[in-house]
Amino acid sequence: MGFTIIVLSVQRDSYGQNLNVGEPRTVRLLYFLPNDRPFHTDVVQKMKDEILNVQIFYAEQMQAHGYGNKTFHFETTPQDQPKVHRVDGKHPFSHYDNTLGDAVIDELGQAFDLDANIYFIVLGADALRQGNGQPAAGVGDQRWSPVLLIT
């Protein structure tokens, strides 16, 4: 299972929890699990490791292109570690397959203001299918801030 992702310490979240508080445009990490998929701690650790790597890379690239040592802010725990939110999906994986992530984004959009912050979403699934049946490894779009990666 190869992937590159980002996340912070695991906390089980319900749809009622308000992640739209705090500093605007904060990167929030979500580990989204369809209700028939298991939780994997190695995915969470990889998310934690990678968000830190991406933050450093971003700062280095901003500096290299003359913008100064700037980077993005992500949500952290009280111990200043990356924070990962576990979100349990309402449906089995088959409900989300063949949608390129639209069904996941639609479900999360009912609970979170996806325009208020930047959401990095990891979907716990074997594979997600494109409309032509080919596996999709990640989905991103300029219309909305979430980035969805499939583990």
Protein backbone atom coordinates (compact mmCIF):
# COMPACT_ATOMS: atom_id res chain seq x y z
CA MET A 1 0.00 0.00 0.00
CA GLY A 2 1.85 3.12 -1.21
CA PHE A 3 0.61 6.61 -0.52
CA THR A 4 1.68 10.08 0.56
CA ILE A 5 -0.55 11.83 3.05
CA ILE A 6 -0.81 14.14 6.07
CA VAL A 7 -2.61 13.92 9.52
CA LEU A 8 -2.40 14.63 13.29
CA SER A 9 -3.20 12.79 16.56
CA VAL A 10 -6.27 10.68 16.26
CA GLN A 11 -9.51 11.73 17.82
CA ARG A 12 -12.86 10.21 16.94
CA ASP A 13 -15.09 13.01 15.66
CA SER A 14 -18.79 13.11 15.20
CA TYR A 15 -20.52 15.16 12.57
CA GLY A 16 -21.70 17.46 15.34
CA GLN A 17 -18.22 18.69 16.23
CA ASN A 18 -17.48 22.13 14.85
CA LEU A 19 -14.18 22.14 12.96
CA ASN A 20 -14.96 25.59 11.58
CA VAL A 21 -13.57 27.41 14.61
CA GLY A 22 -10.12 28.88 15.16
CA GLU A 23 -7.81 30.59 12.72
CA PRO A 24 -9.30 30.86 9.21
CA ARG A 25 -7.74 28.87 6.35
CA THR A 26 -6.23 26.34 8.75
CA VAL A 27 -5.36 22.98 7.23
CA ARG A 28 -7.44 20.33 8.99
CA LEU A 29 -6.67 16.65 8.55
CA LEU A 30 -9.50 14.15 8.26
CA TYR A 31 -9.24 10.38 8.15
CA PHE A 32 -12.57 9.36 6.59
CA LEU A 33 -13.59 5.73 7.05
CA PRO A 34 -16.53 4.13 5.23
CA ASN A 35 -18.50 2.14 7.79
CA ASP A 36 -17.16 -1.18 6.49
CA ARG A 37 -13.45 -0.29 6.51
CA PRO A 38 -10.95 -0.77 9.38
CA PHE A 39 -8.95 1.96 11.05
CA HIS A 40 -5.17 1.81 10.43
CA THR A 41 -2.76 3.52 12.82
CA ASP A 42 0.00 3.42 10.19
CA VAL A 43 -2.09 5.70 7.97
CA VAL A 44 -2.38 8.21 10.81
CA GLN A 45 1.37 8.13 11.45
CA LYS A 46 2.09 8.62 7.75
CA MET A 47 -0.27 11.58 7.72
CA LYS A 48 1.51 13.14 10.70
CA ASP A 49 4.92 12.65 9.13
CA GLU A 50 3.93 13.95 5.72
CA ILE A 51 2.15 17.12 6.86
CA LEU A 52 5.37 18.19 8.54
CA ASN A 53 7.41 17.35 5.42
CA VAL A 54 5.02 19.25 3.18
CA GLN A 55 5.06 22.28 5.48
CA ILE A 56 8.88 22.41 5.32
CA PHE A 57 8.89 21.90 1.54
CA TYR A 58 6.37 24.72 1.09
CA ALA A 59 8.48 27.11 3.23
CA GLU A 60 11.63 26.24 1.29
CA GLN A 61 9.90 26.81 -2.05
CA MET A 62 8.45 30.16 -0.93
CA GLN A 63 11.94 31.24 0.15
CA ALA A 64 13.52 30.01 -3.08
CA HIS A 65 11.01 32.01 -5.15
CA GLY A 66 11.53 35.27 -3.26
CA TYR A 67 8.48 35.29 -0.97
CA GLY A 68 10.33 34.79 2.31
CA ASN A 69 10.14 31.89 4.72
CA LYS A 70 6.34 31.47 4.59
CA THR A 71 4.28 28.33 4.97
CA PHE A 72 0.77 27.18 5.90
CA HIS A 73 -0.75 26.61 9.32
CA PHE A 74 -2.26 23.27 10.30
CA GLU A 75 -4.31 22.27 13.30
CA THR A 76 -2.34 20.90 16.24
CA THR A 77 -2.91 19.20 19.56
CA PRO A 78 -2.20 20.98 22.87
CA GLN A 79 1.25 19.33 22.67
CA ASP A 80 1.84 21.15 19.35
CA GLN A 81 1.68 17.94 17.32
CA PRO A 82 -0.31 17.54 14.09
CA LYS A 83 -3.93 16.64 14.80
CA VAL A 84 -5.84 14.04 12.79
CA HIS A 85 -9.63 13.81 13.02
CA ARG A 86 -11.27 10.45 12.49
CA VAL A 87 -14.60 10.76 10.71
CA ASP A 88 -16.75 7.65 10.40
CA GLY A 89 -18.69 7.54 7.13
CA LYS A 90 -22.40 6.86 7.07
CA HIS A 91 -22.18 4.24 4.31
CA PRO A 92 -20.09 1.24 3.17
CA PHE A 93 -17.30 1.77 0.68
CA SER A 94 -19.47 0.69 -2.26
CA HIS A 95 -21.51 3.89 -1.79
CA TYR A 96 -18.39 6.04 -2.37
CA ASP A 97 -16.78 4.02 -5.19
CA ASN A 98 -17.00 5.25 -8.81
CA THR A 99 -17.58 8.86 -7.70
CA LEU A 100 -14.01 10.26 -7.75
CA GLY A 101 -14.58 11.34 -4.16
CA ASP A 102 -17.72 13.39 -4.81
CA ALA A 103 -19.82 11.27 -2.43
CA VAL A 104 -17.26 11.74 0.37
CA ILE A 105 -17.08 15.49 -0.25
CA ASP A 106 -20.88 15.73 -0.37
CA GLU A 107 -21.19 13.91 2.96
CA LEU A 108 -18.52 16.04 4.63
CA GLY A 109 -19.98 19.21 3.10
CA GLN A 110 -23.20 18.59 5.02
CA ALA A 111 -21.26 18.81 8.28
CA PHE A 112 -18.33 21.14 7.64
CA ASP A 113 -17.93 24.47 5.88
CA LEU A 114 -15.43 23.29 3.28
CA ASP A 115 -14.79 26.88 2.18
CA ALA A 116 -13.84 28.12 5.67
CA ASN A 117 -10.74 25.96 6.00
CA ILE A 118 -8.56 23.68 3.96
CA TYR A 119 -9.32 20.00 4.48
CA PHE A 120 -6.86 17.27 3.72
CA ILE A 121 -8.94 14.11 3.59
CA VAL A 122 -7.65 10.55 3.58
CA LEU A 123 -10.21 7.95 2.56
CA GLY A 124 -9.68 4.57 4.18
CA ALA A 125 -10.43 2.29 1.25
CA ASP A 126 -8.78 -0.25 -1.00
CA ALA A 127 -9.21 1.90 -4.10
CA LEU A 128 -11.58 4.46 -5.47
CA ARG A 129 -12.72 4.14 -9.06
CA GLN A 130 -12.94 6.71 -11.77
CA GLY A 131 -16.02 6.72 -13.98
CA ASN A 132 -14.23 4.41 -16.43
CA GLY A 133 -13.50 1.86 -13.67
CA GLN A 134 -9.79 2.70 -13.41
CA PRO A 135 -8.34 3.18 -9.89
CA ALA A 136 -7.95 6.76 -8.68
CA ALA A 137 -5.07 7.62 -6.35
CA GLY A 138 -6.11 11.13 -5.39
CA VAL A 139 -8.62 13.80 -6.21
CA GLY A 140 -8.25 17.57 -6.12
CA ASP A 141 -10.16 20.44 -7.62
CA GLN A 142 -9.75 24.23 -7.81
CA ARG A 143 -13.43 24.70 -6.99
CA TRP A 144 -13.04 23.49 -3.42
CA SER A 145 -10.22 23.22 -0.94
CA PRO A 146 -10.38 19.56 0.11
CA VAL A 147 -7.77 17.16 -1.16
CA LEU A 148 -8.77 13.50 -1.04
CA LEU A 149 -6.25 10.67 -0.98
CA ILE A 150 -7.15 7.02 -0.98
CA THR A 151 -5.24 4.51 1.15
